[in-house]
Amino acid sequence: MTIQTNTSNHYLHLNLYSGVLFGLGLVAFFDEVVFHQLLHWHHFYDKSTTSVGLVSDGLFHAFSWFATIASLFLFANLRRKKALYLKRWFGGLLLGAGIFQLYDGTVQHKWFKLHQIRYNVDPLPYDLTWNITATVMTLIGIILLFKTRNRSGQIE
């Protein structure tokens, strides 16, 4: 549902922030559930014992949950104030998801070496898939945000 009654920059920013937080929370939640819990490929922090890895997963899961809940409070507020702009919100979602995944794939996996996507296999196909997907999400998010920026007080 797109409601376009309030076009102030304040609400444009809130749509962006809500989408970014939801994207961060969504991708972090997906990573935690699929790769950490279901597939058992890695933990958030793999440089210690399994117990430490599980605690790090719990903290990571809490982060994703709080980001998601905060984004939904912002989303509900935007709907209530009839200032929700879904195209911009989805742009923020893709930007948040893409940036988080790109950060995870480059900083955490390669620079800090906190964990890899998967162990005991050639990581290159996994790294390429992870980072190319992140880049595509980020670029689509940027394009959507660019298309919905404020021009003379008008939302397109």
N, C-alpha and C. Protein backbone atom coordinates (compact mmCIF):
# COMPACT_ATOMS: atom_id res chain seq x y z
N MET A 1 0.85 -1.17 0.00
CA MET A 1 0.00 0.00 0.00
C MET A 1 0.89 1.23 0.00
N THR A 2 0.77 2.07 -0.99
CA THR A 2 1.54 3.29 -1.06
C THR A 2 0.63 4.46 -0.74
N ILE A 3 1.01 5.23 0.26
CA ILE A 3 0.25 6.39 0.66
C ILE A 3 1.16 7.59 0.49
N GLN A 4 0.71 8.58 -0.30
CA GLN A 4 1.59 9.68 -0.67
C GLN A 4 1.04 11.04 -0.23
N THR A 5 0.53 11.16 0.98
CA THR A 5 -0.02 12.44 1.40
C THR A 5 1.03 13.36 1.99
N ASN A 6 2.06 12.84 2.63
CA ASN A 6 3.08 13.68 3.25
C ASN A 6 4.40 13.43 2.55
N THR A 7 4.94 14.49 1.91
CA THR A 7 6.13 14.32 1.09
C THR A 7 7.37 14.98 1.69
N SER A 8 7.35 15.29 2.96
CA SER A 8 8.50 15.98 3.54
C SER A 8 9.74 15.09 3.53
N ASN A 9 10.88 15.75 3.55
CA ASN A 9 12.15 15.02 3.60
C ASN A 9 12.23 14.13 4.83
N HIS A 10 11.63 14.58 5.92
CA HIS A 10 11.64 13.79 7.16
C HIS A 10 11.04 12.40 6.91
N TYR A 11 9.93 12.35 6.25
CA TYR A 11 9.29 11.06 6.00
C TYR A 11 10.00 10.26 4.92
N LEU A 12 10.63 10.94 3.98
CA LEU A 12 11.44 10.22 2.99
C LEU A 12 12.59 9.50 3.70
N HIS A 13 13.21 10.19 4.66
CA HIS A 13 14.30 9.59 5.42
C HIS A 13 13.80 8.44 6.29
N LEU A 14 12.66 8.61 6.94
CA LEU A 14 12.12 7.54 7.78
C LEU A 14 11.79 6.30 6.96
N ASN A 15 11.27 6.48 5.74
CA ASN A 15 11.02 5.33 4.85
C ASN A 15 12.33 4.61 4.55
N LEU A 16 13.36 5.39 4.27
CA LEU A 16 14.68 4.82 3.99
C LEU A 16 15.22 4.07 5.20
N TYR A 17 15.20 4.70 6.38
CA TYR A 17 15.75 4.08 7.59
C TYR A 17 14.99 2.80 7.95
N SER A 18 13.67 2.85 7.84
CA SER A 18 12.88 1.66 8.15
C SER A 18 13.23 0.52 7.20
N GLY A 19 13.35 0.82 5.92
CA GLY A 19 13.71 -0.20 4.93
C GLY A 19 15.11 -0.75 5.17
N VAL A 20 16.07 0.13 5.46
CA VAL A 20 17.45 -0.32 5.70
C VAL A 20 17.50 -1.24 6.92
N LEU A 21 16.85 -0.84 8.00
CA LEU A 21 16.84 -1.69 9.20
C LEU A 21 16.19 -3.04 8.92
N PHE A 22 15.10 -3.02 8.16
CA PHE A 22 14.43 -4.28 7.84
C PHE A 22 15.33 -5.15 6.96
N GLY A 23 16.02 -4.55 5.99
CA GLY A 23 16.94 -5.30 5.14
C GLY A 23 18.08 -5.91 5.93
N LEU A 24 18.66 -5.13 6.86
CA LEU A 24 19.72 -5.66 7.73
C LEU A 24 19.20 -6.84 8.54
N GLY A 25 18.06 -6.62 9.17
CA GLY A 25 17.49 -7.68 10.01
C GLY A 25 17.13 -8.91 9.22
N LEU A 26 16.56 -8.72 8.04
CA LEU A 26 16.14 -9.85 7.21
C LEU A 26 17.32 -10.70 6.76
N VAL A 27 18.36 -10.07 6.23
CA VAL A 27 19.52 -10.83 5.76
C VAL A 27 20.27 -11.47 6.92
N ALA A 28 20.39 -10.75 8.03
CA ALA A 28 21.06 -11.33 9.20
C ALA A 28 20.26 -12.53 9.71
N PHE A 29 18.93 -12.40 9.76
CA PHE A 29 18.08 -13.50 10.20
C PHE A 29 18.22 -14.70 9.27
N PHE A 30 18.19 -14.46 7.96
CA PHE A 30 18.34 -15.53 6.97
C PHE A 30 19.69 -16.22 7.13
N ASP A 31 20.75 -15.44 7.26
CA ASP A 31 22.10 -15.99 7.44
C ASP A 31 22.15 -16.86 8.69
N GLU A 32 21.63 -16.33 9.79
CA GLU A 32 21.65 -17.05 11.06
C GLU A 32 20.87 -18.36 10.96
N VAL A 33 19.67 -18.31 10.47
CA VAL A 33 18.82 -19.51 10.44
C VAL A 33 19.36 -20.53 9.44
N VAL A 34 19.64 -20.11 8.22
CA VAL A 34 20.02 -21.07 7.18
C VAL A 34 21.45 -21.57 7.36
N PHE A 35 22.42 -20.66 7.41
CA PHE A 35 23.82 -21.08 7.40
C PHE A 35 24.34 -21.51 8.77
N HIS A 36 23.82 -20.88 9.82
CA HIS A 36 24.31 -21.21 11.17
C HIS A 36 23.54 -22.37 11.77
N GLN A 37 22.21 -22.32 11.72
CA GLN A 37 21.40 -23.30 12.44
C GLN A 37 21.04 -24.52 11.60
N LEU A 38 20.53 -24.31 10.40
CA LEU A 38 20.06 -25.45 9.60
C LEU A 38 21.20 -26.22 8.92
N LEU A 39 22.09 -25.51 8.27
CA LEU A 39 23.18 -26.17 7.54
C LEU A 39 24.42 -26.42 8.40
N HIS A 40 24.55 -25.71 9.51
CA HIS A 40 25.72 -25.85 10.41
C HIS A 40 27.04 -25.57 9.68
N TRP A 41 27.03 -24.60 8.76
CA TRP A 41 28.23 -24.31 8.00
C TRP A 41 29.23 -23.48 8.80
N HIS A 42 28.73 -22.60 9.63
CA HIS A 42 29.63 -21.77 10.43
C HIS A 42 28.85 -21.13 11.58
N HIS A 43 29.61 -20.45 12.46
CA HIS A 43 29.04 -19.61 13.51
C HIS A 43 29.44 -18.18 13.21
N PHE A 44 28.86 -17.25 13.92
CA PHE A 44 29.24 -15.85 13.72
C PHE A 44 30.72 -15.66 14.02
N TYR A 45 31.19 -16.33 15.07
CA TYR A 45 32.60 -16.25 15.45
C TYR A 45 33.14 -17.67 15.55
N ASP A 46 34.03 -18.03 14.63
CA ASP A 46 34.55 -19.40 14.56
C ASP A 46 35.99 -19.55 15.05
N LYS A 47 36.52 -18.57 15.72
CA LYS A 47 37.92 -18.64 16.15
C LYS A 47 38.08 -19.16 17.58
N SER A 48 37.06 -19.82 18.10
CA SER A 48 37.12 -20.32 19.47
C SER A 48 36.34 -21.63 19.54
N THR A 49 35.81 -21.92 20.69
CA THR A 49 35.07 -23.17 20.90
C THR A 49 33.67 -23.09 20.29
N THR A 50 33.04 -24.24 20.19
CA THR A 50 31.66 -24.29 19.71
C THR A 50 30.74 -23.49 20.63
N SER A 51 30.98 -23.56 21.93
CA SER A 51 30.16 -22.81 22.89
C SER A 51 30.25 -21.30 22.64
N VAL A 52 31.44 -20.80 22.41
CA VAL A 52 31.62 -19.37 22.11
C VAL A 52 30.93 -19.05 20.78
N GLY A 53 31.05 -19.95 19.81
CA GLY A 53 30.37 -19.75 18.53
C GLY A 53 28.86 -19.66 18.69
N LEU A 54 28.30 -20.51 19.55
CA LEU A 54 26.86 -20.48 19.79
C LEU A 54 26.42 -19.20 20.49
N VAL A 55 27.23 -18.73 21.44
CA VAL A 55 26.91 -17.45 22.10
C VAL A 55 26.98 -16.32 21.09
N SER A 56 27.99 -16.33 20.24
CA SER A 56 28.09 -15.29 19.21
C SER A 56 26.90 -15.34 18.27
N ASP A 57 26.44 -16.54 17.94
CA ASP A 57 25.23 -16.68 17.11
C ASP A 57 24.02 -16.09 17.81
N GLY A 58 23.90 -16.31 19.12
CA GLY A 58 22.78 -15.75 19.87
C GLY A 58 22.79 -14.23 19.86
N LEU A 59 23.96 -13.63 20.03
CA LEU A 59 24.07 -12.17 19.98
C LEU A 59 23.74 -11.65 18.58
N PHE A 60 24.23 -12.35 17.57
CA PHE A 60 23.95 -11.98 16.18
C PHE A 60 22.45 -12.08 15.90
N HIS A 61 21.82 -13.12 16.40
CA HIS A 61 20.38 -13.31 16.22
C HIS A 61 19.60 -12.20 16.93
N ALA A 62 20.04 -11.83 18.13
CA ALA A 62 19.39 -10.74 18.86
C ALA A 62 19.49 -9.43 18.07
N PHE A 63 20.67 -9.15 17.49
CA PHE A 63 20.84 -7.96 16.66
C PHE A 63 19.84 -7.95 15.51
N SER A 64 19.73 -9.08 14.81
CA SER A 64 18.82 -9.13 13.66
C SER A 64 17.37 -8.94 14.10
N TRP A 65 17.03 -9.51 15.24
CA TRP A 65 15.66 -9.39 15.74
C TRP A 65 15.34 -7.94 16.12
N PHE A 66 16.26 -7.28 16.84
CA PHE A 66 16.02 -5.89 17.23
C PHE A 66 15.96 -4.96 16.03
N ALA A 67 16.80 -5.17 15.04
CA ALA A 67 16.75 -4.35 13.82
C ALA A 67 15.41 -4.52 13.12
N THR A 68 14.94 -5.76 13.04
CA THR A 68 13.66 -6.03 12.38
C THR A 68 12.51 -5.39 13.14
N ILE A 69 12.48 -5.55 14.44
CA ILE A 69 11.40 -4.97 15.25
C ILE A 69 11.42 -3.45 15.16
N ALA A 70 12.58 -2.84 15.27
CA ALA A 70 12.68 -1.37 15.16
C ALA A 70 12.16 -0.91 13.80
N SER A 71 12.52 -1.63 12.75
CA SER A 71 12.06 -1.24 11.41
C SER A 71 10.54 -1.34 11.30
N LEU A 72 9.95 -2.35 11.93
CA LEU A 72 8.50 -2.51 11.85
C LEU A 72 7.76 -1.45 12.66
N PHE A 73 8.34 -0.98 13.75
CA PHE A 73 7.75 0.15 14.47
C PHE A 73 7.76 1.40 13.59
N LEU A 74 8.88 1.65 12.92
CA LEU A 74 8.94 2.79 12.00
C LEU A 74 7.94 2.63 10.86
N PHE A 75 7.85 1.42 10.32
CA PHE A 75 6.93 1.12 9.23
C PHE A 75 5.49 1.41 9.66
N ALA A 76 5.10 0.91 10.84
CA ALA A 76 3.74 1.12 11.33
C ALA A 76 3.47 2.60 11.55
N ASN A 77 4.45 3.34 12.05
CA ASN A 77 4.29 4.77 12.25
C ASN A 77 4.09 5.50 10.91
N LEU A 78 4.85 5.10 9.91
CA LEU A 78 4.70 5.70 8.59
C LEU A 78 3.31 5.43 8.01
N ARG A 79 2.83 4.21 8.17
CA ARG A 79 1.47 3.89 7.70
C ARG A 79 0.42 4.71 8.44
N ARG A 80 0.60 4.81 9.76
CA ARG A 80 -0.37 5.54 10.58
C ARG A 80 -0.43 7.01 10.16
N LYS A 81 0.72 7.58 9.82
CA LYS A 81 0.79 8.99 9.43
C LYS A 81 0.55 9.19 7.93
N LYS A 82 0.19 8.10 7.24
CA LYS A 82 -0.05 8.13 5.81
C LYS A 82 1.15 8.70 5.04
N ALA A 83 2.34 8.27 5.46
CA ALA A 83 3.58 8.74 4.85
C ALA A 83 4.43 7.58 4.34
N LEU A 84 3.83 6.41 4.20
CA LEU A 84 4.57 5.25 3.72
C LEU A 84 4.72 5.34 2.21
N TYR A 85 5.95 5.17 1.76
CA TYR A 85 6.24 5.17 0.32
C TYR A 85 6.99 3.88 0.02
N LEU A 86 6.23 2.85 -0.40
CA LEU A 86 6.78 1.50 -0.51
C LEU A 86 7.96 1.38 -1.46
N LYS A 87 7.95 2.10 -2.55
CA LYS A 87 9.06 2.00 -3.50
C LYS A 87 10.36 2.44 -2.82
N ARG A 88 10.28 3.52 -2.06
CA ARG A 88 11.47 3.99 -1.34
C ARG A 88 11.84 3.03 -0.22
N TRP A 89 10.81 2.50 0.48
CA TRP A 89 11.06 1.55 1.55
C TRP A 89 11.76 0.30 1.02
N PHE A 90 11.31 -0.22 -0.12
CA PHE A 90 11.96 -1.39 -0.71
C PHE A 90 13.38 -1.06 -1.17
N GLY A 91 13.58 0.16 -1.65
CA GLY A 91 14.94 0.58 -1.98
C GLY A 91 15.84 0.53 -0.76
N GLY A 92 15.33 1.01 0.37
CA GLY A 92 16.08 0.94 1.62
C GLY A 92 16.32 -0.50 2.06
N LEU A 93 15.30 -1.34 1.90
CA LEU A 93 15.44 -2.76 2.25
C LEU A 93 16.57 -3.40 1.45
N LEU A 94 16.57 -3.21 0.15
CA LEU A 94 17.61 -3.80 -0.69
C LEU A 94 18.98 -3.21 -0.38
N LEU A 95 19.02 -1.91 -0.11
CA LEU A 95 20.29 -1.28 0.25
C LEU A 95 20.82 -1.84 1.57
N GLY A 96 19.97 -1.92 2.58
CA GLY A 96 20.38 -2.47 3.88
C GLY A 96 20.82 -3.92 3.78
N ALA A 97 20.04 -4.72 3.06
CA ALA A 97 20.38 -6.14 2.90
C ALA A 97 21.70 -6.29 2.14
N GLY A 98 21.85 -5.53 1.06
CA GLY A 98 23.05 -5.63 0.24
C GLY A 98 24.30 -5.17 0.97
N ILE A 99 24.20 -4.04 1.66
CA ILE A 99 25.37 -3.53 2.38
C ILE A 99 25.76 -4.48 3.51
N PHE A 100 24.76 -4.99 4.24
CA PHE A 100 25.10 -5.93 5.30
C PHE A 100 25.79 -7.17 4.74
N GLN A 101 25.25 -7.72 3.66
CA GLN A 101 25.82 -8.92 3.08
C GLN A 101 27.21 -8.65 2.51
N LEU A 102 27.40 -7.50 1.89
CA LEU A 102 28.71 -7.14 1.36
C LEU A 102 29.72 -6.93 2.50
N TYR A 103 29.28 -6.29 3.58
CA TYR A 103 30.14 -6.13 4.77
C TYR A 103 30.51 -7.51 5.32
N ASP A 104 29.52 -8.38 5.45
CA ASP A 104 29.77 -9.72 5.99
C ASP A 104 30.75 -10.47 5.09
N GLY A 105 30.54 -10.41 3.78
CA GLY A 105 31.37 -11.16 2.84
C GLY A 105 32.78 -10.64 2.69
N THR A 106 32.98 -9.35 2.91
CA THR A 106 34.32 -8.79 2.75
C THR A 106 35.03 -8.60 4.09
N VAL A 107 34.41 -7.84 4.98
CA VAL A 107 35.07 -7.50 6.25
C VAL A 107 35.15 -8.71 7.18
N GLN A 108 34.00 -9.35 7.43
CA GLN A 108 34.00 -10.46 8.39
C GLN A 108 34.63 -11.72 7.83
N HIS A 109 34.35 -12.04 6.56
CA HIS A 109 34.88 -13.28 5.99
C HIS A 109 36.36 -13.15 5.61
N LYS A 110 36.73 -12.06 4.97
CA LYS A 110 38.08 -11.97 4.39
C LYS A 110 39.05 -11.16 5.24
N TRP A 111 38.66 -9.98 5.70
CA TRP A 111 39.61 -9.14 6.44
C TRP A 111 39.80 -9.64 7.86
N PHE A 112 38.70 -9.81 8.61
CA PHE A 112 38.81 -10.23 10.01
C PHE A 112 38.88 -11.75 10.16
N LYS A 113 38.47 -12.46 9.13
CA LYS A 113 38.46 -13.93 9.13
C LYS A 113 37.72 -14.50 10.35
N LEU A 114 36.58 -13.86 10.69
CA LEU A 114 35.76 -14.35 11.80
C LEU A 114 35.13 -15.70 11.48
N HIS A 115 34.77 -15.86 10.21
CA HIS A 115 34.20 -17.13 9.74
C HIS A 115 34.19 -17.10 8.22
N GLN A 116 34.01 -18.26 7.63
CA GLN A 116 33.82 -18.39 6.19
C GLN A 116 32.39 -18.83 5.97
N ILE A 117 31.91 -18.74 4.75
CA ILE A 117 30.57 -19.22 4.47
C ILE A 117 30.51 -20.72 4.71
N ARG A 118 31.52 -21.41 4.20
CA ARG A 118 31.57 -22.86 4.35
C ARG A 118 33.03 -23.29 4.43
N TYR A 119 33.28 -24.32 5.22
CA TYR A 119 34.63 -24.83 5.41
C TYR A 119 34.82 -26.15 4.66
N ASN A 120 36.08 -26.50 4.45
CA ASN A 120 36.49 -27.77 3.83
C ASN A 120 36.02 -27.92 2.40
N VAL A 121 35.81 -26.81 1.72
CA VAL A 121 35.50 -26.78 0.30
C VAL A 121 36.21 -25.55 -0.27
N ASP A 122 36.23 -25.45 -1.59
CA ASP A 122 36.78 -24.25 -2.22
C ASP A 122 35.81 -23.10 -1.94
N PRO A 123 36.24 -22.06 -1.20
CA PRO A 123 35.32 -20.99 -0.83
C PRO A 123 34.99 -20.02 -1.97
N LEU A 124 35.76 -20.05 -3.08
CA LEU A 124 35.58 -19.07 -4.14
C LEU A 124 34.15 -19.02 -4.70
N PRO A 125 33.53 -20.15 -5.07
CA PRO A 125 32.15 -20.04 -5.59
C PRO A 125 31.18 -19.46 -4.57
N TYR A 126 31.35 -19.79 -3.30
CA TYR A 126 30.49 -19.26 -2.25
C TYR A 126 30.72 -17.75 -2.07
N ASP A 127 31.99 -17.36 -2.06
CA ASP A 127 32.31 -15.93 -1.91
C ASP A 127 31.78 -15.12 -3.09
N LEU A 128 31.97 -15.63 -4.30
CA LEU A 128 31.47 -14.91 -5.47
C LEU A 128 29.96 -14.78 -5.45
N THR A 129 29.26 -15.87 -5.15
CA THR A 129 27.80 -15.84 -5.09
C THR A 129 27.34 -14.85 -4.02
N TRP A 130 27.96 -14.93 -2.84
CA TRP A 130 27.59 -14.07 -1.72
C TRP A 130 27.79 -12.60 -2.06
N ASN A 131 28.96 -12.25 -2.59
CA ASN A 131 29.29 -10.85 -2.82
C ASN A 131 28.65 -10.29 -4.08
N ILE A 132 28.46 -11.11 -5.10
CA ILE A 132 27.76 -10.63 -6.30
C ILE A 132 26.29 -10.38 -5.97
N THR A 133 25.67 -11.28 -5.22
CA THR A 133 24.29 -11.06 -4.79
C THR A 133 24.19 -9.79 -3.97
N ALA A 134 25.13 -9.57 -3.07
CA ALA A 134 25.13 -8.36 -2.24
C ALA A 134 25.27 -7.11 -3.10
N THR A 135 26.14 -7.14 -4.08
CA THR A 135 26.36 -6.00 -4.95
C THR A 135 25.11 -5.70 -5.77
N VAL A 136 24.46 -6.72 -6.30
CA VAL A 136 23.24 -6.53 -7.08
C VAL A 136 22.14 -5.93 -6.21
N MET A 137 21.95 -6.46 -5.00
CA MET A 137 20.93 -5.90 -4.10
C MET A 137 21.24 -4.43 -3.79
N THR A 138 22.50 -4.13 -3.51
CA THR A 138 22.89 -2.76 -3.20
C THR A 138 22.62 -1.83 -4.37
N LEU A 139 22.98 -2.24 -5.57
CA LEU A 139 22.78 -1.40 -6.74
C LEU A 139 21.30 -1.17 -7.04
N ILE A 140 20.49 -2.21 -6.94
CA ILE A 140 19.05 -2.05 -7.16
C ILE A 140 18.47 -1.11 -6.10
N GLY A 141 18.91 -1.27 -4.86
CA GLY A 141 18.46 -0.37 -3.79
C GLY A 141 18.82 1.07 -4.07
N ILE A 142 20.04 1.31 -4.51
CA ILE A 142 20.48 2.67 -4.84
C ILE A 142 19.65 3.24 -5.98
N ILE A 143 19.38 2.44 -7.00
CA ILE A 143 18.57 2.91 -8.13
C ILE A 143 17.16 3.29 -7.66
N LEU A 144 16.55 2.44 -6.83
CA LEU A 144 15.21 2.76 -6.32
C LEU A 144 15.23 4.03 -5.47
N LEU A 145 16.25 4.18 -4.65
CA LEU A 145 16.34 5.38 -3.82
C LEU A 145 16.58 6.62 -4.67
N PHE A 146 17.38 6.48 -5.69
CA PHE A 146 17.64 7.61 -6.60
C PHE A 146 16.34 8.03 -7.29
N LYS A 147 15.55 7.05 -7.71
CA LYS A 147 14.29 7.35 -8.39
C LYS A 147 13.24 7.96 -7.48
N THR A 148 13.40 7.78 -6.17
CA THR A 148 12.38 8.28 -5.23
C THR A 148 12.89 9.44 -4.39
N ARG A 149 13.97 10.05 -4.80
CA ARG A 149 14.48 11.18 -4.03
C ARG A 149 13.55 12.37 -4.19
N ASN A 150 13.69 13.30 -3.30
CA ASN A 150 12.82 14.48 -3.28
C ASN A 150 13.28 15.48 -4.33
N ARG A 151 12.37 15.80 -5.24
CA ARG A 151 12.65 16.82 -6.25
C ARG A 151 11.60 17.91 -6.11
N SER A 152 11.98 19.05 -5.64
CA SER A 152 11.08 20.19 -5.48
C SER A 152 9.85 19.82 -4.66
N GLY A 153 10.06 18.99 -3.65
CA GLY A 153 8.97 18.62 -2.77
C GLY A 153 8.05 17.55 -3.35
N GLN A 154 8.39 16.97 -4.48
CA GLN A 154 7.54 15.98 -5.11
C GLN A 154 8.16 14.60 -5.01
N ILE A 155 7.35 13.62 -4.68
CA ILE A 155 7.79 12.23 -4.72
C ILE A 155 7.34 11.66 -6.05
N GLU A 156 8.23 10.98 -6.71
CA GLU A 156 7.85 10.38 -8.00
C GLU A 156 7.29 9.01 -7.78
